[in-house]
């Protein structure tokens, strides 16, 4: 259960970082508009929808990771012995593949 808490905290931390970076990116544009400054160059104006799309994709990615971890937690909780044996087999296979040089 402690690993679950650590993973949940890490995911929340990543979500907060993304949220903070979104706020930082939108803050300069808001200041320029409020101060009556010049408009952003054409390259930046066109980049705004791309940035929004990228942020949307990042949010989806974080949500998918969170869902994957939750499902993995449920599966491991439901079948702990099978999970441990599977992890051992995968570890042995990786060890053998990397050991042959």
PDB file of N, CA and C in Angstrom:
ATOM      1  N   UNK A   1       0.811  -1.194   0.000  1.00  0.00           N
ATOM      2  CA  UNK A   1       0.000   0.000   0.000  1.00  0.00           C
ATOM      3  C   UNK A   1       0.862   1.268   0.000  1.00  0.00           C
ATOM      4  N   UNK A   2       2.082   1.228   0.606  1.00  0.00           N
ATOM      5  CA  UNK A   2       2.918   2.427   0.622  1.00  0.00           C
ATOM      6  C   UNK A   2       3.374   2.800  -0.780  1.00  0.00           C
ATOM      7  N   UNK A   3       3.603   1.808  -1.623  1.00  0.00           N
ATOM      8  CA  UNK A   3       3.981   2.099  -3.007  1.00  0.00           C
ATOM      9  C   UNK A   3       2.833   2.785  -3.729  1.00  0.00           C
ATOM     10  N   UNK A   4       1.606   2.408  -3.406  1.00  0.00           N
ATOM     11  CA  UNK A   4       0.437   3.045  -4.011  1.00  0.00           C
ATOM     12  C   UNK A   4       0.392   4.525  -3.635  1.00  0.00           C
ATOM     13  N   UNK A   5       0.654   4.822  -2.389  1.00  0.00           N
ATOM     14  CA  UNK A   5       0.617   6.207  -1.927  1.00  0.00           C
ATOM     15  C   UNK A   5       1.726   7.021  -2.593  1.00  0.00           C
ATOM     16  N   UNK A   6       2.899   6.429  -2.714  1.00  0.00           N
ATOM     17  CA  UNK A   6       4.022   7.124  -3.353  1.00  0.00           C
ATOM     18  C   UNK A   6       3.698   7.399  -4.815  1.00  0.00           C
ATOM     19  N   UNK A   7       3.151   6.416  -5.497  1.00  0.00           N
ATOM     20  CA  UNK A   7       2.792   6.574  -6.906  1.00  0.00           C
ATOM     21  C   UNK A   7       1.704   7.629  -7.079  1.00  0.00           C
ATOM     22  N   UNK A   8       0.728   7.613  -6.214  1.00  0.00           N
ATOM     23  CA  UNK A   8      -0.345   8.603  -6.286  1.00  0.00           C
ATOM     24  C   UNK A   8       0.194  10.008  -6.053  1.00  0.00           C
ATOM     25  N   UNK A   9       1.093  10.159  -5.069  1.00  0.00           N
ATOM     26  CA  UNK A   9       1.685  11.469  -4.814  1.00  0.00           C
ATOM     27  C   UNK A   9       2.508  11.945  -6.001  1.00  0.00           C
ATOM     28  N   UNK A  10       3.241  11.044  -6.616  1.00  0.00           N
ATOM     29  CA  UNK A  10       4.062  11.408  -7.771  1.00  0.00           C
ATOM     30  C   UNK A  10       3.194  11.860  -8.939  1.00  0.00           C
ATOM     31  N   UNK A  11       2.098  11.140  -9.197  1.00  0.00           N
ATOM     32  CA  UNK A  11       1.189  11.527 -10.269  1.00  0.00           C
ATOM     33  C   UNK A  11       0.541  12.887  -9.989  1.00  0.00           C
ATOM     34  N   UNK A  12       0.146  13.120  -8.741  1.00  0.00           N
ATOM     35  CA  UNK A  12      -0.437  14.415  -8.385  1.00  0.00           C
ATOM     36  C   UNK A  12       0.594  15.524  -8.557  1.00  0.00           C
ATOM     37  N   UNK A  13       1.832  15.235  -8.192  1.00  0.00           N
ATOM     38  CA  UNK A  13       2.899  16.213  -8.356  1.00  0.00           C
ATOM     39  C   UNK A  13       3.102  16.565  -9.825  1.00  0.00           C
ATOM     40  N   UNK A  14       3.083  15.559 -10.690  1.00  0.00           N
ATOM     41  CA  UNK A  14       3.227  15.805 -12.124  1.00  0.00           C
ATOM     42  C   UNK A  14       2.061  16.625 -12.664  1.00  0.00           C
ATOM     43  N   UNK A  15       0.859  16.314 -12.207  1.00  0.00           N
ATOM     44  CA  UNK A  15      -0.310  17.077 -12.649  1.00  0.00           C
ATOM     45  C   UNK A  15      -0.205  18.534 -12.196  1.00  0.00           C
ATOM     46  N   UNK A  16       0.288  18.763 -10.976  1.00  0.00           N
ATOM     47  CA  UNK A  16       0.446  20.126 -10.481  1.00  0.00           C
ATOM     48  C   UNK A  16       1.501  20.874 -11.288  1.00  0.00           C
ATOM     49  N   UNK A  17       2.589  20.192 -11.652  1.00  0.00           N
ATOM     50  CA  UNK A  17       3.622  20.827 -12.467  1.00  0.00           C
ATOM     51  C   UNK A  17       3.076  21.232 -13.833  1.00  0.00           C
ATOM     52  N   UNK A  18       2.284  20.363 -14.425  1.00  0.00           N
ATOM     53  CA  UNK A  18       1.681  20.690 -15.723  1.00  0.00           C
ATOM     54  C   UNK A  18       0.737  21.873 -15.567  1.00  0.00           C
ATOM     55  N   UNK A  19      -0.044  21.879 -14.512  1.00  0.00           N
ATOM     56  CA  UNK A  19      -0.965  22.985 -14.268  1.00  0.00           C
ATOM     57  C   UNK A  19      -0.202  24.290 -14.066  1.00  0.00           C
ATOM     58  N   UNK A  20       0.888  24.241 -13.299  1.00  0.00           N
ATOM     59  CA  UNK A  20       1.695  25.438 -13.069  1.00  0.00           C
ATOM     60  C   UNK A  20       2.320  25.943 -14.368  1.00  0.00           C
ATOM     61  N   UNK A  21       2.794  25.026 -15.188  1.00  0.00           N
ATOM     62  CA  UNK A  21       3.400  25.460 -16.450  1.00  0.00           C
ATOM     63  C   UNK A  21       2.349  26.057 -17.375  1.00  0.00           C
ATOM     64  N   UNK A  22       1.126  25.533 -17.336  1.00  0.00           N
ATOM     65  CA  UNK A  22       0.031  26.125 -18.120  1.00  0.00           C
ATOM     66  C   UNK A  22      -0.240  27.552 -17.665  1.00  0.00           C
ATOM     67  N   UNK A  23      -0.248  27.761 -16.361  1.00  0.00           N
ATOM     68  CA  UNK A  23      -0.497  29.096 -15.825  1.00  0.00           C
ATOM     69  C   UNK A  23       0.627  30.051 -16.218  1.00  0.00           C
ATOM     70  N   UNK A  24       1.876  29.582 -16.171  1.00  0.00           N
ATOM     71  CA  UNK A  24       3.011  30.419 -16.535  1.00  0.00           C
ATOM     72  C   UNK A  24       2.975  30.788 -18.013  1.00  0.00           C
ATOM     73  N   UNK A  25       2.555  29.845 -18.848  1.00  0.00           N
ATOM     74  CA  UNK A  25       2.494  30.128 -20.276  1.00  0.00           C
ATOM     75  C   UNK A  25       1.395  31.132 -20.602  1.00  0.00           C
ATOM     76  N   UNK A  26       0.279  31.057 -19.907  1.00  0.00           N
ATOM     77  CA  UNK A  26      -0.825  31.968 -20.194  1.00  0.00           C
ATOM     78  C   UNK A  26      -0.645  33.314 -19.506  1.00  0.00           C
ATOM     79  N   UNK A  27       0.133  33.393 -18.449  1.00  0.00           N
ATOM     80  CA  UNK A  27       0.307  34.642 -17.712  1.00  0.00           C
ATOM     81  C   UNK A  27       0.962  35.738 -18.552  1.00  0.00           C
ATOM     82  N   UNK A  28       2.052  35.528 -19.297  1.00  0.00           N
ATOM     83  CA  UNK A  28       2.636  36.611 -20.098  1.00  0.00           C
ATOM     84  C   UNK A  28       1.666  37.152 -21.141  1.00  0.00           C
ATOM     85  N   UNK A  29       0.881  36.301 -21.759  1.00  0.00           N
ATOM     86  CA  UNK A  29      -0.086  36.755 -22.759  1.00  0.00           C
ATOM     87  C   UNK A  29      -1.160  37.621 -22.106  1.00  0.00           C
ATOM     88  N   UNK A  30      -1.587  37.248 -20.902  1.00  0.00           N
ATOM     89  CA  UNK A  30      -2.589  38.030 -20.194  1.00  0.00           C
ATOM     90  C   UNK A  30      -2.039  39.397 -19.818  1.00  0.00           C
ATOM     91  N   UNK A  31      -0.792  39.465 -19.382  1.00  0.00           N
ATOM     92  CA  UNK A  31      -0.178  40.738 -19.010  1.00  0.00           C
ATOM     93  C   UNK A  31      -0.038  41.650 -20.216  1.00  0.00           C
ATOM     94  N   UNK A  32       0.347  41.095 -21.353  1.00  0.00           N
ATOM     95  CA  UNK A  32       0.512  41.903 -22.559  1.00  0.00           C
ATOM     96  C   UNK A  32      -0.829  42.491 -22.981  1.00  0.00           C
ATOM     97  N   UNK A  33      -1.878  41.710 -22.945  1.00  0.00           N
ATOM     98  CA  UNK A  33      -3.202  42.189 -23.340  1.00  0.00           C
ATOM     99  C   UNK A  33      -3.710  43.238 -22.355  1.00  0.00           C
ATOM    100  N   UNK A  34      -3.474  43.049 -21.061  1.00  0.00           N
ATOM    101  CA  UNK A  34      -3.965  43.978 -20.051  1.00  0.00           C
ATOM    102  C   UNK A  34      -3.210  45.303 -20.111  1.00  0.00           C
ATOM    103  N   UNK A  35      -1.930  45.288 -20.457  1.00  0.00           N
ATOM    104  CA  UNK A  35      -1.138  46.511 -20.485  1.00  0.00           C
ATOM    105  C   UNK A  35      -1.292  47.271 -21.795  1.00  0.00           C
ATOM    106  N   UNK A  36      -2.030  46.708 -22.745  1.00  0.00           N
ATOM    107  CA  UNK A  36      -2.223  47.364 -24.025  1.00  0.00           C
ATOM    108  C   UNK A  36      -0.991  47.262 -24.891  1.00  0.00           C
ATOM    109  N   UNK A  37      -0.161  46.294 -24.643  1.00  0.00           N
ATOM    110  CA  UNK A  37       1.078  46.100 -25.398  1.00  0.00           C
ATOM    111  C   UNK A  37       0.784  45.613 -26.799  1.00  0.00           C
ATOM    112  N   UNK A  38       1.833  45.472 -27.552  1.00  0.00           N
ATOM    113  CA  UNK A  38       1.677  45.015 -28.925  1.00  0.00           C
ATOM    114  C   UNK A  38       1.258  43.565 -28.952  1.00  0.00           C
ATOM    115  N   UNK A  39       0.664  43.178 -30.039  1.00  0.00           N
ATOM    116  CA  UNK A  39       0.210  41.799 -30.203  1.00  0.00           C
ATOM    117  C   UNK A  39       1.421  40.891 -30.360  1.00  0.00           C
ATOM    118  N   UNK A  40       1.230  39.631 -30.059  1.00  0.00           N
ATOM    119  CA  UNK A  40       2.305  38.653 -30.178  1.00  0.00           C
ATOM    120  C   UNK A  40       2.631  38.454 -31.655  1.00  0.00           C
ATOM    121  N   UNK A  41       3.879  38.091 -31.970  1.00  0.00           N
ATOM    122  CA  UNK A  41       4.237  37.807 -33.355  1.00  0.00           C
ATOM    123  C   UNK A  41       3.372  36.695 -33.917  1.00  0.00           C
ATOM    124  N   UNK A  42       3.272  36.658 -35.249  1.00  0.00           N
ATOM    125  CA  UNK A  42       2.401  35.686 -35.913  1.00  0.00           C
ATOM    126  C   UNK A  42       2.768  34.256 -35.551  1.00  0.00           C
ATOM    127  N   UNK A  43       4.041  33.955 -35.373  1.00  0.00           N
ATOM    128  CA  UNK A  43       4.479  32.599 -35.035  1.00  0.00           C
ATOM    129  C   UNK A  43       3.929  32.146 -33.693  1.00  0.00           C
ATOM    130  N   UNK A  44       3.878  33.074 -32.730  1.00  0.00           N
ATOM    131  CA  UNK A  44       3.366  32.716 -31.413  1.00  0.00           C
ATOM    132  C   UNK A  44       1.845  32.586 -31.443  1.00  0.00           C
ATOM    133  N   UNK A  45       1.171  33.431 -32.209  1.00  0.00           N
ATOM    134  CA  UNK A  45      -0.286  33.358 -32.273  1.00  0.00           C
ATOM    135  C   UNK A  45      -0.727  32.029 -32.862  1.00  0.00           C
ATOM    136  N   UNK A  46       0.006  31.550 -33.858  1.00  0.00           N
ATOM    137  CA  UNK A  46      -0.332  30.261 -34.462  1.00  0.00           C
ATOM    138  C   UNK A  46       0.037  29.111 -33.543  1.00  0.00           C
ATOM    139  N   UNK A  47       1.014  29.302 -32.680  1.00  0.00           N
ATOM    140  CA  UNK A  47       1.463  28.246 -31.782  1.00  0.00           C
ATOM    141  C   UNK A  47       0.508  28.002 -30.631  1.00  0.00           C
ATOM    142  N   UNK A  48      -0.336  28.968 -30.322  1.00  0.00           N
ATOM    143  CA  UNK A  48      -1.232  28.824 -29.182  1.00  0.00           C
ATOM    144  C   UNK A  48      -2.155  27.613 -29.317  1.00  0.00           C
ATOM    145  N   UNK A  49      -2.824  27.399 -30.460  1.00  0.00           N
ATOM    146  CA  UNK A  49      -3.658  26.194 -30.572  1.00  0.00           C
ATOM    147  C   UNK A  49      -2.823  24.909 -30.490  1.00  0.00           C
ATOM    148  N   UNK A  50      -1.611  24.968 -31.030  1.00  0.00           N
ATOM    149  CA  UNK A  50      -0.743  23.787 -30.940  1.00  0.00           C
ATOM    150  C   UNK A  50      -0.373  23.505 -29.499  1.00  0.00           C
ATOM    151  N   UNK A  51      -0.100  24.579 -28.738  1.00  0.00           N
ATOM    152  CA  UNK A  51       0.229  24.401 -27.323  1.00  0.00           C
ATOM    153  C   UNK A  51      -0.961  23.836 -26.561  1.00  0.00           C
ATOM    154  N   UNK A  52      -2.154  24.339 -26.867  1.00  0.00           N
ATOM    155  CA  UNK A  52      -3.350  23.831 -26.200  1.00  0.00           C
ATOM    156  C   UNK A  52      -3.558  22.364 -26.533  1.00  0.00           C
ATOM    157  N   UNK A  53      -3.305  22.011 -27.787  1.00  0.00           N
ATOM    158  CA  UNK A  53      -3.447  20.616 -28.186  1.00  0.00           C
ATOM    159  C   UNK A  53      -2.422  19.749 -27.451  1.00  0.00           C
ATOM    160  N   UNK A  54      -1.198  20.250 -27.331  1.00  0.00           N
ATOM    161  CA  UNK A  54      -0.153  19.510 -26.627  1.00  0.00           C
ATOM    162  C   UNK A  54      -0.522  19.324 -25.158  1.00  0.00           C
ATOM    163  N   UNK A  55      -1.029  20.390 -24.533  1.00  0.00           N
ATOM    164  CA  UNK A  55      -1.430  20.282 -23.129  1.00  0.00           C
ATOM    165  C   UNK A  55      -2.589  19.306 -22.965  1.00  0.00           C
ATOM    166  N   UNK A  56      -3.513  19.317 -23.914  1.00  0.00           N
ATOM    167  CA  UNK A  56      -4.618  18.362 -23.870  1.00  0.00           C
ATOM    168  C   UNK A  56      -4.115  16.932 -23.983  1.00  0.00           C
ATOM    169  N   UNK A  57      -3.139  16.722 -24.871  1.00  0.00           N
ATOM    170  CA  UNK A  57      -2.565  15.388 -25.026  1.00  0.00           C
ATOM    171  C   UNK A  57      -1.819  14.969 -23.767  1.00  0.00           C
ATOM    172  N   UNK A  58      -1.120  15.908 -23.130  1.00  0.00           N
ATOM    173  CA  UNK A  58      -0.425  15.586 -21.886  1.00  0.00           C
ATOM    174  C   UNK A  58      -1.407  15.211 -20.786  1.00  0.00           C
ATOM    175  N   UNK A  59      -2.513  15.954 -20.711  1.00  0.00           N
ATOM    176  CA  UNK A  59      -3.536  15.618 -19.711  1.00  0.00           C
ATOM    177  C   UNK A  59      -4.088  14.218 -19.954  1.00  0.00           C
ATOM    178  N   UNK A  60      -4.376  13.906 -21.228  1.00  0.00           N
ATOM    179  CA  UNK A  60      -4.869  12.574 -21.563  1.00  0.00           C
ATOM    180  C   UNK A  60      -3.844  11.508 -21.180  1.00  0.00           C
ATOM    181  N   UNK A  61      -2.568  11.786 -21.448  1.00  0.00           N
ATOM    182  CA  UNK A  61      -1.495  10.848 -21.123  1.00  0.00           C
ATOM    183  C   UNK A  61      -1.434  10.600 -19.623  1.00  0.00           C
ATOM    184  N   UNK A  62      -1.508  11.662 -18.830  1.00  0.00           N
ATOM    185  CA  UNK A  62      -1.470  11.517 -17.374  1.00  0.00           C
ATOM    186  C   UNK A  62      -2.686  10.733 -16.894  1.00  0.00           C
ATOM    187  N   UNK A  63      -3.849  11.010 -17.469  1.00  0.00           N
ATOM    188  CA  UNK A  63      -5.058  10.272 -17.086  1.00  0.00           C
ATOM    189  C   UNK A  63      -4.932   8.790 -17.435  1.00  0.00           C
ATOM    190  N   UNK A  64      -4.373   8.491 -18.607  1.00  0.00           N
ATOM    191  CA  UNK A  64      -4.184   7.092 -19.011  1.00  0.00           C
ATOM    192  C   UNK A  64      -3.202   6.384 -18.083  1.00  0.00           C
ATOM    193  N   UNK A  65      -2.127   7.059 -17.706  1.00  0.00           N
ATOM    194  CA  UNK A  65      -1.154   6.464 -16.790  1.00  0.00           C
ATOM    195  C   UNK A  65      -1.808   6.191 -15.445  1.00  0.00           C
ATOM    196  N   UNK A  66      -2.574   7.162 -14.965  1.00  0.00           N
ATOM    197  CA  UNK A  66      -3.255   6.985 -13.683  1.00  0.00           C
ATOM    198  C   UNK A  66      -4.208   5.793 -13.735  1.00  0.00           C
ATOM    199  N   UNK A  67      -4.962   5.693 -14.818  1.00  0.00           N
ATOM    200  CA  UNK A  67      -5.891   4.579 -14.977  1.00  0.00           C
ATOM    201  C   UNK A  67      -5.137   3.250 -15.053  1.00  0.00           C
ATOM    202  N   UNK A  68      -4.020   3.223 -15.786  1.00  0.00           N
ATOM    203  CA  UNK A  68      -3.221   2.002 -15.902  1.00  0.00           C
ATOM    204  C   UNK A  68      -2.701   1.562 -14.538  1.00  0.00           C
ATOM    205  N   UNK A  69      -2.194   2.510 -13.757  1.00  0.00           N
ATOM    206  CA  UNK A  69      -1.657   2.179 -12.429  1.00  0.00           C
ATOM    207  C   UNK A  69      -2.766   1.666 -11.528  1.00  0.00           C
ATOM    208  N   UNK A  70      -3.922   2.293 -11.577  1.00  0.00           N
ATOM    209  CA  UNK A  70      -5.039   1.833 -10.748  1.00  0.00           C
ATOM    210  C   UNK A  70      -5.456   0.417 -11.123  1.00  0.00           C
ATOM    211  N   UNK A  71      -5.525   0.141 -12.428  1.00  0.00           N
ATOM    212  CA  UNK A  71      -5.876  -1.217 -12.867  1.00  0.00           C
ATOM    213  C   UNK A  71      -4.805  -2.216 -12.459  1.00  0.00           C
ATOM    214  N   UNK A  72      -3.554  -1.830 -12.564  1.00  0.00           N
ATOM    215  CA  UNK A  72      -2.469  -2.722 -12.157  1.00  0.00           C
ATOM    216  C   UNK A  72      -2.547  -3.012 -10.659  1.00  0.00           C
ATOM    217  N   UNK A  73      -2.850  -1.994  -9.874  1.00  0.00           N
ATOM    218  CA  UNK A  73      -2.990  -2.192  -8.428  1.00  0.00           C
ATOM    219  C   UNK A  73      -4.104  -3.190  -8.123  1.00  0.00           C
ATOM    220  N   UNK A  74      -5.231  -3.053  -8.824  1.00  0.00           N
ATOM    221  CA  UNK A  74      -6.355  -3.967  -8.603  1.00  0.00           C
ATOM    222  C   UNK A  74      -5.978  -5.394  -8.987  1.00  0.00           C
ATOM    223  N   UNK A  75      -5.289  -5.549 -10.134  1.00  0.00           N
ATOM    224  CA  UNK A  75      -4.907  -6.886 -10.577  1.00  0.00           C
ATOM    225  C   UNK A  75      -3.902  -7.531  -9.638  1.00  0.00           C
ATOM    226  N   UNK A  76      -2.941  -6.759  -9.169  1.00  0.00           N
ATOM    227  CA  UNK A  76      -1.945  -7.303  -8.245  1.00  0.00           C
ATOM    228  C   UNK A  76      -2.600  -7.654  -6.920  1.00  0.00           C
ATOM    229  N   UNK A  77      -3.527  -6.821  -6.465  1.00  0.00           N
ATOM    230  CA  UNK A  77      -4.230  -7.116  -5.210  1.00  0.00           C
ATOM    231  C   UNK A  77      -5.087  -8.377  -5.342  1.00  0.00           C
ATOM    232  N   UNK A  78      -5.688  -8.566  -6.506  1.00  0.00           N
ATOM    233  CA  UNK A  78      -6.552  -9.725  -6.713  1.00  0.00           C
ATOM    234  C   UNK A  78      -5.747 -11.015  -6.887  1.00  0.00           C
ATOM    235  N   UNK A  79      -4.562 -10.924  -7.487  1.00  0.00           N
ATOM    236  CA  UNK A  79      -3.744 -12.108  -7.782  1.00  0.00           C
ATOM    237  C   UNK A  79      -2.286 -11.864  -7.399  1.00  0.00           C
ATOM    238  N   UNK A  80      -1.985 -11.780  -6.100  1.00  0.00           N
ATOM    239  CA  UNK A  80      -0.611 -11.448  -5.698  1.00  0.00           C
ATOM    240  C   UNK A  80       0.410 -12.532  -6.059  1.00  0.00           C
ATOM    241  N   UNK A  81       0.063 -13.774  -5.908  1.00  0.00           N
ATOM    242  CA  UNK A  81       1.015 -14.855  -6.195  1.00  0.00           C
ATOM    243  C   UNK A  81       1.349 -14.897  -7.679  1.00  0.00           C
ATOM    244  N   UNK A  82       0.345 -14.806  -8.509  1.00  0.00           N
ATOM    245  CA  UNK A  82       0.569 -14.817  -9.957  1.00  0.00           C
ATOM    246  C   UNK A  82       1.427 -13.629 -10.374  1.00  0.00           C
ATOM    247  N   UNK A  83       1.194 -12.479  -9.772  1.00  0.00           N
ATOM    248  CA  UNK A  83       1.961 -11.282 -10.108  1.00  0.00           C
ATOM    249  C   UNK A  83       3.429 -11.435  -9.733  1.00  0.00           C
ATOM    250  N   UNK A  84       3.688 -11.990  -8.567  1.00  0.00           N
ATOM    251  CA  UNK A  84       5.072 -12.187  -8.128  1.00  0.00           C
ATOM    252  C   UNK A  84       5.773 -13.194  -9.032  1.00  0.00           C
ATOM    253  N   UNK A  85       5.112 -14.288  -9.342  1.00  0.00           N
ATOM    254  CA  UNK A  85       5.719 -15.299 -10.212  1.00  0.00           C
ATOM    255  C   UNK A  85       5.969 -14.719 -11.599  1.00  0.00           C
ATOM    256  N   UNK A  86       5.032 -13.974 -12.133  1.00  0.00           N
ATOM    257  CA  UNK A  86       5.214 -13.342 -13.439  1.00  0.00           C
ATOM    258  C   UNK A  86       6.379 -12.366 -13.435  1.00  0.00           C
ATOM    259  N   UNK A  87       6.503 -11.581 -12.369  1.00  0.00           N
ATOM    260  CA  UNK A  87       7.607 -10.630 -12.266  1.00  0.00           C
ATOM    261  C   UNK A  87       8.945 -11.352 -12.197  1.00  0.00           C
ATOM    262  N   UNK A  88       8.984 -12.480 -11.481  1.00  0.00           N
ATOM    263  CA  UNK A  88      10.230 -13.260 -11.395  1.00  0.00           C
ATOM    264  C   UNK A  88      10.615 -13.814 -12.765  1.00  0.00           C
ATOM    265  N   UNK A  89       9.651 -14.345 -13.498  1.00  0.00           N
ATOM    266  CA  UNK A  89       9.928 -14.904 -14.819  1.00  0.00           C
ATOM    267  C   UNK A  89      10.453 -13.819 -15.760  1.00  0.00           C
ATOM    268  N   UNK A  90       9.800 -12.664 -15.747  1.00  0.00           N
ATOM    269  CA  UNK A  90      10.248 -11.556 -16.601  1.00  0.00           C
ATOM    270  C   UNK A  90      11.660 -11.121 -16.199  1.00  0.00           C
ATOM    271  N   UNK A  91      11.932 -11.059 -14.917  1.00  0.00           N
ATOM    272  CA  UNK A  91      13.262 -10.689 -14.436  1.00  0.00           C
ATOM    273  C   UNK A  91      14.328 -11.676 -14.875  1.00  0.00           C
ATOM    274  N   UNK A  92      14.011 -12.960 -14.792  1.00  0.00           N
ATOM    275  CA  UNK A  92      14.961 -13.987 -15.229  1.00  0.00           C
ATOM    276  C   UNK A  92      15.221 -13.872 -16.724  1.00  0.00           C
ATOM    277  N   UNK A  93      14.165 -13.686 -17.509  1.00  0.00           N
ATOM    278  CA  UNK A  93      14.336 -13.545 -18.965  1.00  0.00           C
ATOM    279  C   UNK A  93      15.191 -12.324 -19.325  1.00  0.00           C
ATOM    280  N   UNK A  94      14.921 -11.208 -18.679  1.00  0.00           N
ATOM    281  CA  UNK A  94      15.707 -10.003 -18.952  1.00  0.00           C
ATOM    282  C   UNK A  94      17.158 -10.220 -18.529  1.00  0.00           C
ATOM    283  N   UNK A  95      17.368 -10.871 -17.401  1.00  0.00           N
ATOM    284  CA  UNK A  95      18.731 -11.159 -16.940  1.00  0.00           C
ATOM    285  C   UNK A  95      19.485 -12.039 -17.915  1.00  0.00           C
ATOM    286  N   UNK A  96      18.830 -13.032 -18.450  1.00  0.00           N
ATOM    287  CA  UNK A  96      19.491 -13.917 -19.415  1.00  0.00           C
ATOM    288  C   UNK A  96      19.787 -13.185 -20.731  1.00  0.00           C
ATOM    289  N   UNK A  97      18.857 -12.381 -21.176  1.00  0.00           N
ATOM    290  CA  UNK A  97      19.079 -11.637 -22.429  1.00  0.00           C
ATOM    291  C   UNK A  97      20.220 -10.636 -22.298  1.00  0.00           C
ATOM    292  N   UNK A  98      20.283  -9.953 -21.192  1.00  0.00           N
ATOM    293  CA  UNK A  98      21.333  -8.955 -20.994  1.00  0.00           C
ATOM    294  C   UNK A  98      22.662  -9.594 -20.594  1.00  0.00           C
ATOM    295  N   UNK A  99      22.625 -10.779 -20.052  1.00  0.00           N
ATOM    296  CA  UNK A  99      23.845 -11.456 -19.611  1.00  0.00           C
ATOM    297  C   UNK A  99      24.646 -12.071 -20.752  1.00  0.00           C
ATOM    298  N   UNK A 100      24.058 -12.263 -21.891  1.00  0.00           N
ATOM    299  CA  UNK A 100      24.738 -12.900 -23.015  1.00  0.00           C
ATOM    300  C   UNK A 100      25.365 -11.843 -23.915  1.00  0.00           C
ATOM    301  N   UNK A 101      26.609 -11.590 -23.702  1.00  0.00           N
ATOM    302  CA  UNK A 101      27.313 -10.625 -24.551  1.00  0.00           C
ATOM    303  C   UNK A 101      28.598 -11.199 -25.025  1.00  0.00           C
TER     304      UNK A 101
END
